[in-house]
Amino acid sequence: MINCDQIINNETFDSIIHPYLFRKKLSEYDYNRLEPLFCTQSLEITKIFCSHMRPLCITKTVSENLKLNKQEIDEEIVKNLIGTKVGIVRRKVENGIKLDDVFIVEEGVIENIEKYSCFELASILINNQSIVPQRVFLLK
């Protein structure tokens, strides 16, 4: 199921921030390089109705790859993610003008994750820039 900026996992009901939402605005090459990194967990787990107010989490796949038994971001997960190479989805700039319907993937490294207790307020520090989680994905 597709939400405005997330895809619902039918097995866990996590709201996954997925590159599918940028598929028509990215080149096929860039789209195929991206994998989901962040999500918010279900209403049943968090007891928070609005998915944008739930804590930021990592996807179940990322949690398993890091050999962690939890998805909720805390200091331990932040330490594990620091140094991870990621792709940032951004609007393409031509002649100093940002294009509305053309996106590119810029590579970067996670330096920190801040305000992860609320998805709407969370920010990912990459290359000394604060980026919203909706634009950050793992690179294949």
Protein backbone atom coordinates (compact mmCIF):
# COMPACT_ATOMS: atom_id res chain seq x y z
CA MET A 1 0.00 0.00 0.00
CA ILE A 2 1.33 3.49 -0.86
CA ASN A 3 1.06 6.44 1.52
CA CYS A 4 1.96 10.01 0.49
CA ASP A 5 5.69 9.49 1.06
CA GLN A 6 5.94 5.98 2.45
CA ILE A 7 5.07 2.42 1.46
CA ILE A 8 3.39 0.14 3.97
CA ASN A 9 4.99 -3.28 4.49
CA ASN A 10 2.05 -5.72 4.42
CA GLU A 11 3.87 -8.14 6.71
CA THR A 12 5.03 -5.84 9.53
CA PHE A 13 2.88 -2.77 8.74
CA ASP A 14 5.96 -0.57 9.00
CA SER A 15 5.79 2.60 6.90
CA ILE A 16 8.90 2.31 4.73
CA ILE A 17 10.52 5.32 3.09
CA HIS A 18 11.06 3.80 -0.32
CA PRO A 19 12.76 5.09 -3.51
CA TYR A 20 9.67 3.92 -5.44
CA LEU A 21 8.19 7.30 -4.69
CA PHE A 22 10.89 8.96 -6.86
CA ARG A 23 10.84 6.38 -9.67
CA LYS A 24 9.40 8.68 -12.34
CA LYS A 25 11.79 11.54 -11.56
CA LEU A 26 15.06 9.59 -11.28
CA SER A 27 17.00 7.95 -14.07
CA GLU A 28 16.61 4.16 -14.14
CA TYR A 29 20.28 3.82 -13.13
CA ASP A 30 19.86 6.05 -10.05
CA TYR A 31 16.56 4.45 -9.06
CA ASN A 32 18.05 0.95 -9.19
CA ARG A 33 20.96 2.00 -6.93
CA LEU A 34 18.73 2.87 -3.96
CA GLU A 35 17.47 0.67 -1.12
CA PRO A 36 15.22 1.70 1.79
CA LEU A 37 17.03 2.64 5.01
CA PHE A 38 14.46 4.32 7.25
CA CYS A 39 10.90 3.59 8.30
CA THR A 40 8.41 4.21 11.08
CA GLN A 41 6.90 1.26 12.88
CA SER A 42 3.22 0.41 12.96
CA LEU A 43 0.46 1.93 15.07
CA GLU A 44 0.23 -1.36 16.99
CA ILE A 45 3.87 -1.12 18.10
CA THR A 46 4.21 2.64 18.66
CA LYS A 47 0.65 3.48 19.81
CA ILE A 48 1.05 6.74 17.85
CA PHE A 49 -1.68 7.34 15.27
CA CYS A 50 0.15 9.69 12.87
CA SER A 51 3.07 7.96 11.12
CA HIS A 52 4.96 11.27 10.81
CA MET A 53 5.04 11.66 14.60
CA ARG A 54 6.36 8.15 15.28
CA PRO A 55 10.04 7.57 16.10
CA LEU A 56 12.39 7.12 13.16
CA CYS A 57 13.52 3.50 12.75
CA ILE A 58 15.70 1.49 10.42
CA THR A 59 14.06 -1.12 8.20
CA LYS A 60 13.95 -4.73 9.32
CA THR A 61 16.41 -5.67 6.54
CA VAL A 62 18.96 -3.07 7.69
CA SER A 63 18.52 -4.18 11.30
CA GLU A 64 19.21 -7.80 10.32
CA ASN A 65 22.25 -6.80 8.21
CA LEU A 66 23.72 -4.89 11.17
CA LYS A 67 23.00 -7.95 13.38
CA LEU A 68 20.75 -5.92 15.67
CA ASN A 69 17.59 -7.22 17.30
CA LYS A 70 15.75 -3.90 17.16
CA GLN A 71 14.70 -1.27 14.67
CA GLU A 72 14.15 1.77 16.90
CA ILE A 73 16.98 4.25 16.46
CA ASP A 74 18.97 4.94 19.60
CA GLU A 75 22.60 5.83 20.29
CA GLU A 76 23.76 2.27 19.50
CA ILE A 77 22.13 2.30 16.06
CA VAL A 78 23.39 5.83 15.37
CA LYS A 79 26.95 4.63 16.11
CA ASN A 80 26.43 1.68 13.74
CA LEU A 81 25.15 3.95 10.95
CA ILE A 82 27.85 6.63 11.22
CA GLY A 83 30.18 6.17 8.27
CA THR A 84 27.56 4.41 6.13
CA LYS A 85 27.63 5.43 2.46
CA VAL A 86 24.19 6.62 1.35
CA GLY A 87 22.45 8.20 -1.60
CA ILE A 88 20.62 11.51 -1.20
CA VAL A 89 17.80 12.25 -3.64
CA ARG A 90 17.97 15.89 -4.75
CA ARG A 91 16.58 18.06 -7.51
CA LYS A 92 18.91 18.47 -10.47
CA VAL A 93 20.45 21.94 -10.86
CA GLU A 94 21.10 23.40 -14.32
CA ASN A 95 22.57 26.89 -14.74
CA GLY A 96 21.91 27.57 -11.04
CA ILE A 97 18.20 26.69 -11.31
CA LYS A 98 16.67 23.69 -9.52
CA LEU A 99 14.53 21.63 -11.88
CA ASP A 100 11.19 20.53 -10.44
CA ASP A 101 10.74 17.20 -12.20
CA VAL A 102 14.29 15.87 -12.49
CA PHE A 103 16.07 14.32 -9.53
CA ILE A 104 19.60 12.95 -9.09
CA VAL A 105 21.34 10.84 -6.46
CA GLU A 106 24.22 12.49 -4.65
CA GLU A 107 26.47 10.23 -2.59
CA GLY A 108 27.40 10.98 0.99
CA VAL A 109 28.34 9.49 4.35
CA ILE A 110 26.19 9.59 7.49
CA GLU A 111 27.86 11.71 10.16
CA ASN A 112 25.05 11.77 12.73
CA ILE A 113 21.30 11.33 13.20
CA GLU A 114 19.47 13.93 15.27
CA LYS A 115 15.94 14.24 16.73
CA TYR A 116 15.14 10.65 15.80
CA SER A 117 12.39 10.40 18.43
CA CYS A 118 10.01 11.97 15.86
CA PHE A 119 10.08 11.24 12.12
CA GLU A 120 8.87 14.75 11.22
CA LEU A 121 11.72 16.40 13.19
CA ALA A 122 14.48 13.88 12.42
CA SER A 123 17.51 14.97 10.45
CA ILE A 124 20.41 13.03 9.03
CA LEU A 125 23.74 14.86 9.02
CA ILE A 126 25.52 14.02 5.74
CA ASN A 127 28.52 15.92 4.36
CA ASN A 128 27.90 18.67 6.97
CA GLN A 129 24.31 19.15 5.73
CA SER A 130 21.08 18.34 7.54
CA ILE A 131 18.93 16.08 5.31
CA VAL A 132 15.37 14.83 5.93
CA PRO A 133 15.03 11.02 6.16
CA GLN A 134 12.66 10.94 3.14
CA ARG A 135 15.63 11.73 0.87
CA VAL A 136 18.23 9.29 2.31
CA PHE A 137 18.66 5.73 1.02
CA LEU A 138 21.27 2.99 1.12
CA LEU A 139 23.30 2.48 -2.03
CA LYS A 140 23.42 -1.00 -3.58
